Protein backbone atom coordinates (compact mmCIF):
# COMPACT_ATOMS: atom_id res chain seq x y z
CA MET A 1 132.32 98.04 85.64
CA THR A 2 130.50 94.68 85.48
CA ASP A 3 127.81 94.10 82.92
CA ASP A 4 125.11 93.66 85.61
CA LEU A 5 126.06 96.86 87.37
CA ARG A 6 125.97 98.75 84.08
CA VAL A 7 122.59 97.34 83.15
CA ALA A 8 121.15 98.40 86.55
CA ALA A 9 122.64 101.86 86.18
CA GLU A 10 121.15 102.23 82.69
CA THR A 11 117.70 101.25 84.09
CA ALA A 12 118.05 103.78 86.84
CA LEU A 13 119.13 106.68 84.61
CA ASN A 14 117.04 106.02 81.56
CA GLN A 15 113.77 104.33 82.66
CA CYS A 16 113.50 105.61 86.22
CA MET A 17 115.08 109.08 86.10
CA GLY A 18 114.59 109.83 82.39
CA LEU A 19 117.94 111.71 82.24
CA GLN A 20 118.26 113.68 78.99
CA ALA A 21 121.19 115.17 77.18
CA GLY A 22 121.76 118.77 78.30
CA GLU A 23 120.40 118.12 81.82
CA SER A 24 122.67 118.33 84.88
CA CYS A 25 123.15 115.24 86.90
CA GLY A 26 124.63 114.89 90.34
CA ILE A 27 125.77 111.70 92.15
CA VAL A 28 126.14 111.85 95.96
CA THR A 29 127.93 108.84 97.43
CA ASP A 30 130.24 107.84 100.20
CA ASP A 31 133.41 105.85 100.69
CA LYS A 32 131.57 102.51 101.12
CA ARG A 33 129.24 102.95 98.09
CA TRP A 34 131.80 104.49 95.72
CA LYS A 35 131.63 101.52 93.27
CA ILE A 36 127.92 102.04 92.59
CA GLY A 37 128.34 105.79 92.64
CA LYS A 38 131.05 105.56 90.06
CA VAL A 39 129.09 103.32 87.67
CA LEU A 40 126.17 105.75 87.85
CA TYR A 41 128.52 108.58 87.14
CA ASP A 42 130.00 106.74 84.17
CA VAL A 43 126.65 105.88 82.55
CA ALA A 44 125.24 109.39 83.19
CA SER A 45 128.38 110.85 81.50
CA GLU A 46 127.38 108.95 78.34
CA ILE A 47 123.99 110.71 78.35
CA THR A 48 124.91 114.26 79.31
CA ASP A 49 128.13 116.28 79.64
CA ASP A 50 127.02 117.98 82.84
CA VAL A 51 127.67 115.37 85.50
CA THR A 52 129.27 115.71 88.99
CA ILE A 53 130.00 113.24 91.77
CA VAL A 54 130.44 114.13 95.44
CA ARG A 55 131.93 111.63 97.91
CA TYR A 56 132.06 111.89 101.70
CA PRO A 57 132.58 109.61 104.74
CA PRO A 58 129.50 107.59 105.68
CA GLY A 59 127.21 109.04 108.32
CA ASP A 60 126.48 107.51 111.70
CA GLN A 61 122.69 107.21 111.45
CA HIS A 62 119.99 106.78 108.85
CA GLY A 63 118.27 110.14 108.43
CA GLU A 64 121.26 112.08 109.64
CA GLU A 65 121.87 115.32 107.71
CA PRO A 66 124.91 115.22 105.33
CA PRO A 67 127.76 117.78 105.66
CA ALA A 68 126.77 121.27 104.66
CA THR A 69 128.93 121.12 101.48
CA VAL A 70 127.15 117.98 100.39
CA ALA A 71 123.71 119.44 101.15
CA ALA A 72 124.56 122.44 99.03
CA ALA A 73 125.65 120.22 96.12
CA MET A 74 122.38 118.35 96.30
CA ARG A 75 120.43 121.46 95.46
CA GLU A 76 122.19 122.16 92.15
CA PRO A 77 121.43 119.39 89.54
CA ASP A 78 118.26 118.63 87.50
CA VAL A 79 118.69 114.93 88.38
CA LEU A 80 120.20 113.66 91.64
CA LEU A 81 120.99 110.11 92.69
CA ALA A 82 122.28 109.25 96.17
CA PRO A 83 123.72 105.75 96.69
CA THR A 84 124.83 106.02 100.31
CA THR A 85 125.45 103.85 103.33
CA LYS A 86 123.09 105.80 105.51
CA SER A 87 119.85 107.00 104.17
CA LEU A 88 119.43 110.58 102.97
CA SER A 89 115.75 110.00 102.13
CA HIS A 90 114.37 111.58 105.27
CA THR A 91 116.68 114.59 105.53
CA ARG A 92 116.12 118.28 105.08
CA ALA A 93 118.90 118.19 102.47
CA ARG A 94 116.90 115.85 100.28
CA SER A 95 113.68 117.82 100.86
CA ALA A 96 115.45 121.00 99.84
CA ALA A 97 116.64 119.35 96.64
CA THR A 98 113.20 118.29 95.57
CA GLU A 99 111.64 121.59 96.64
CA GLY A 100 114.15 123.27 94.35
CA GLY A 101 112.86 121.17 91.43
CA ALA A 102 115.44 118.38 91.28
CA ARG A 103 114.33 114.80 90.39
CA VAL A 104 115.79 112.82 93.22
CA ALA A 105 116.40 109.09 93.87
CA THR A 106 118.02 107.86 97.06
CA LEU A 107 119.58 104.40 97.23
CA PRO A 108 120.22 103.98 101.04
CA GLY A 109 122.37 101.01 102.09
CA ILE A 110 122.56 99.84 98.45
CA THR A 111 124.75 96.79 97.68
CA ASP A 112 125.79 95.27 94.40
CA GLU A 113 123.22 92.49 94.84
CA VAL A 114 120.37 94.79 95.72
CA PHE A 115 121.35 97.22 92.92
CA THR A 116 121.34 94.53 90.21
CA GLN A 117 118.27 92.52 91.48
CA GLY A 118 116.20 95.60 92.47
CA LEU A 119 116.67 97.42 89.17
CA ASP A 120 115.88 94.27 87.13
CA ALA A 121 112.18 95.17 87.11
CA ASP A 122 109.49 96.67 84.91
CA TYR A 123 108.82 100.05 86.63
CA GLU A 124 105.82 100.78 84.52
CA SER A 125 104.17 97.67 85.94
CA ILE A 126 105.23 98.74 89.49
CA ARG A 127 103.62 102.11 88.85
CA GLN A 128 100.37 100.33 87.95
CA HIS A 129 100.43 98.30 91.14
CA CYS A 130 100.90 101.47 93.11
CA GLU A 131 97.96 103.13 91.48
CA GLU A 132 95.76 100.13 92.26
CA MET A 133 96.81 100.15 95.86
CA LEU A 134 96.20 103.89 96.25
CA THR A 135 92.66 103.34 94.92
CA ALA A 136 92.15 100.63 97.56
CA VAL A 137 93.46 102.53 100.65
CA GLY A 138 93.61 106.23 99.73
CA ASP A 139 90.20 107.30 100.99
CA ALA A 140 89.97 105.03 104.06
CA THR A 141 89.62 106.68 107.48
CA GLU A 142 90.97 103.63 109.29
CA ILE A 143 93.58 101.04 108.35
CA ARG A 144 94.06 97.78 110.32
CA VAL A 145 97.02 95.49 109.79
CA THR A 146 97.27 91.95 111.26
CA ALA A 147 99.86 89.21 110.65
CA PRO A 148 100.65 85.72 111.93
CA SER A 149 103.69 87.12 113.77
CA GLY A 150 101.43 88.94 116.19
CA THR A 151 101.04 92.29 114.55
CA ASP A 152 97.67 93.93 115.19
CA ILE A 153 97.57 97.68 114.86
CA THR A 154 94.95 100.18 113.70
CA LEU A 155 96.04 103.49 112.12
CA GLU A 156 94.21 106.68 111.16
CA PRO A 157 95.76 108.70 108.28
CA GLY A 158 93.64 111.74 109.24
CA GLY A 159 94.34 114.56 106.92
CA ARG A 160 97.57 113.08 105.55
CA GLU A 161 97.67 111.76 102.07
CA TRP A 162 98.99 108.41 100.96
CA ARG A 163 102.01 108.67 98.70
CA GLU A 164 103.52 106.36 96.13
CA ASP A 165 107.12 105.33 95.40
CA THR A 166 106.93 104.12 91.84
CA GLY A 167 110.54 104.47 90.71
CA ILE A 168 109.36 106.70 87.85
CA VAL A 169 111.00 110.09 88.62
CA HIS A 170 110.38 112.18 85.51
CA GLU A 171 108.69 115.27 86.91
CA PRO A 172 110.55 118.28 88.56
CA GLY A 173 110.49 117.97 92.27
CA SER A 174 109.66 114.24 92.25
CA PHE A 175 111.37 111.69 94.60
CA SER A 176 111.73 108.02 94.88
CA ASN A 177 113.81 105.31 96.51
CA LEU A 178 115.56 102.96 94.09
CA PRO A 179 114.78 100.12 94.09
CA ALA A 180 111.14 101.26 94.34
CA GLY A 181 107.62 99.98 94.72
CA GLU A 182 105.45 100.97 97.66
CA VAL A 183 102.59 103.20 98.76
CA PHE A 184 102.84 104.73 102.20
CA VAL A 185 101.38 107.15 104.71
CA SER A 186 102.47 108.91 107.87
CA PRO A 187 99.41 108.33 110.09
CA GLU A 188 98.15 110.97 112.43
CA THR A 189 97.62 108.36 115.18
CA ALA A 190 97.90 104.60 115.73
CA ASP A 191 97.27 102.04 118.43
CA GLY A 192 98.27 98.42 118.67
CA ARG A 193 101.25 96.19 118.38
CA VAL A 194 103.79 95.62 115.57
CA VAL A 195 105.83 92.44 115.46
CA VAL A 196 108.57 92.68 112.75
CA ASP A 197 109.58 89.24 111.40
CA GLY A 198 111.27 90.25 108.15
CA THR A 199 114.06 92.74 108.00
CA MET A 200 115.00 95.60 110.28
CA ARG A 201 118.22 97.52 110.82
CA PRO A 202 120.66 96.94 112.51
CA HIS A 203 119.81 93.24 112.43
CA GLY A 204 119.26 92.81 108.71
CA LEU A 205 117.18 89.72 107.80
CA LEU A 206 115.82 88.26 110.97
CA GLU A 207 116.27 84.56 111.62
CA ASP A 208 113.40 82.12 111.87
CA GLY A 209 111.60 82.82 115.13
CA GLN A 210 113.37 86.06 115.69
CA THR A 211 111.16 89.17 115.97
CA VAL A 212 111.32 92.84 116.89
CA ALA A 213 108.14 93.90 118.65
CA PHE A 214 106.99 97.32 119.76
CA ASP A 215 103.77 98.70 121.18
CA VAL A 216 102.08 101.90 119.98
CA GLU A 217 99.58 104.14 121.81
CA ASP A 218 98.24 107.41 120.39
CA GLY A 219 100.81 107.32 117.63
CA GLN A 220 103.84 106.92 120.01
CA VAL A 221 105.95 103.83 120.50
CA THR A 222 105.68 102.99 124.25
CA ALA A 223 107.72 99.84 124.51
CA ILE A 224 110.31 98.18 122.30
CA GLU A 225 111.27 94.54 122.85
CA ASP A 226 114.75 94.71 121.31
CA ASN A 227 117.86 96.10 122.92
CA ALA A 228 119.50 97.36 119.69
CA ILE A 229 116.46 99.11 118.36
CA ARG A 230 115.57 100.55 121.73
CA GLY A 231 119.11 101.84 122.15
CA GLN A 232 118.92 103.72 118.80
CA VAL A 233 115.67 105.31 119.68
CA GLU A 234 116.78 106.29 123.18
CA GLU A 235 119.92 107.88 121.75
CA ALA A 236 117.88 109.91 119.31
CA ALA A 237 115.47 110.86 122.11
CA GLU A 238 118.38 112.50 124.02
CA GLU A 239 118.47 115.00 121.14
CA VAL A 240 114.77 115.50 120.23
CA GLY A 241 112.75 113.96 123.07
CA ASP A 242 109.42 112.16 122.34
CA ALA A 243 109.74 112.80 118.58
CA ALA A 244 112.12 109.84 118.41
CA TYR A 245 109.23 107.49 119.46
CA ASN A 246 106.87 108.63 116.68
CA LEU A 247 105.13 105.90 114.71
CA ALA A 248 106.21 107.43 111.38
CA GLU A 249 104.95 105.31 108.55
CA LEU A 250 102.89 102.45 107.28
CA GLY A 251 104.14 101.27 103.87
CA ILE A 252 102.70 98.60 101.55
CA GLY A 253 105.07 96.86 99.16
CA THR A 254 104.09 96.70 95.44
CA ASN A 255 107.27 95.37 93.73
CA VAL A 256 106.36 91.81 92.71
CA ALA A 257 109.79 91.34 91.14
CA VAL A 258 111.24 90.92 94.64
CA GLU A 259 110.91 87.19 95.10
CA GLN A 260 112.51 86.90 98.51
CA LEU A 261 113.77 89.08 101.36
CA LEU A 262 117.51 89.63 101.22
CA GLY A 263 118.17 91.55 104.45
CA SER A 264 118.24 94.94 102.77
CA VAL A 265 115.54 97.33 104.12
CA LEU A 266 115.83 99.28 100.87
CA LEU A 267 114.76 96.37 98.80
CA ASP A 268 112.79 94.23 101.28
CA GLU A 269 110.29 97.02 102.19
CA LYS A 270 109.26 97.14 98.53
CA ALA A 271 108.42 93.39 98.28
CA GLY A 272 104.91 92.70 97.19
CA GLY A 273 102.87 90.96 99.90
CA THR A 274 104.68 92.68 102.79
CA VAL A 275 104.08 95.89 104.84
CA HIS A 276 106.51 97.92 106.84
CA PHE A 277 106.32 100.28 109.76
CA ALA A 278 108.80 102.99 110.74
CA ILE A 279 109.81 104.78 113.93
CA GLY A 280 111.02 108.33 114.04
CA ASP A 281 111.01 111.07 111.37
CA ASP A 282 108.03 111.64 109.14
CA ALA A 283 108.42 115.24 108.23
CA SER A 284 109.77 114.30 104.78
CA ILE A 285 106.89 111.96 104.02
CA GLY A 286 103.89 114.10 104.89
CA GLY A 287 104.03 114.21 108.72
CA ASP A 288 105.09 116.92 111.12
CA THR A 289 107.74 115.09 113.29
CA GLU A 290 111.43 115.75 112.87
CA ALA A 291 113.86 113.26 114.27
CA PRO A 292 117.42 112.10 113.39
CA LEU A 293 116.31 108.56 112.59
CA HIS A 294 113.80 106.61 110.53
CA LEU A 295 113.79 102.89 111.30
CA ASP A 296 111.78 100.61 109.01
CA GLY A 297 110.73 97.07 109.96
CA ILE A 298 109.19 94.66 107.49
CA VAL A 299 106.23 92.37 108.40
CA ARG A 300 105.60 89.14 106.40
CA GLU A 301 102.21 87.79 105.40
CA PRO A 302 100.08 90.75 106.55
CA THR A 303 96.36 91.19 106.07
CA VAL A 304 95.37 94.85 105.46
CA TYR A 305 91.89 96.14 106.04
CA ALA A 306 90.68 99.53 104.74
CA ASP A 307 87.56 100.61 106.72
CA GLY A 308 86.93 96.97 107.52
CA GLU A 309 87.36 95.67 103.96
CA GLU A 310 90.25 93.35 103.23
CA VAL A 311 92.63 94.75 100.69
CA GLU A 312 94.16 92.44 98.03
CA LEU A 313 97.96 92.79 98.12
CA PRO A 314 100.38 92.22 95.27
CA THR A 315 101.76 88.71 95.58
CA LEU A 316 105.33 88.26 96.80
């Protein structure tokens, strides 16, 4: 293993997950992310004797459920890390693992570059930024987001609570992405227009002048001005109907160690000074919509208002 990968794995297992001797640790990975899965396994094996690794072929879609044998393995360990090509974050398998008391971190779409850069951060500082952001937006009845790209959307959290992704996963049943750093909510309703000008799958980092725009009415996406994104949503809608068009999430990045967008949704959505919106599943983040996809798009240079008051964002 390279020194950079090892240092990142040590940060993940020690600072973020707090893995202890005598605890069980599971690594769930796939054929394309085996290198990172293996380095996590090797470092975890130096901490505890009870370590397992499960490898399976990459899934077809972010948010798709893993094979039943993999889902069963995810429920067993005290600490679970999932470096995978397709995200397991918004799956019933991940929810079952945390509901069973596991401390879980998913690393969807992780690459060597994102792993080494995203874990080169002070996660206690990130936790503090998250707490400050929660204080600013947590009690607001209305959130408005605007941006130079053309984004102008108003969301109402309603009875749903804001959540934080700090990267500190020390309590039983806790969950985080790694790399981490955001606060987020699944709004009960939303109206307006989102114009993504940062990163969005399957495009990766958008080129200068390239955007992905979609309109939202009563919490549902009504028009998508991008063939690739529209195609993904339409395919999911064949299975679950209107649930695929749900405006699932507003997230605010709090990781100021991310100095530039790299084209990885996993890392870029955490960047301080950005927000992101998602289409599709929100059942695993406090909502009530189940769908086989969760598509995040990052918006640069946003202005966020909580009940009409501008919120100071961590600087990118």
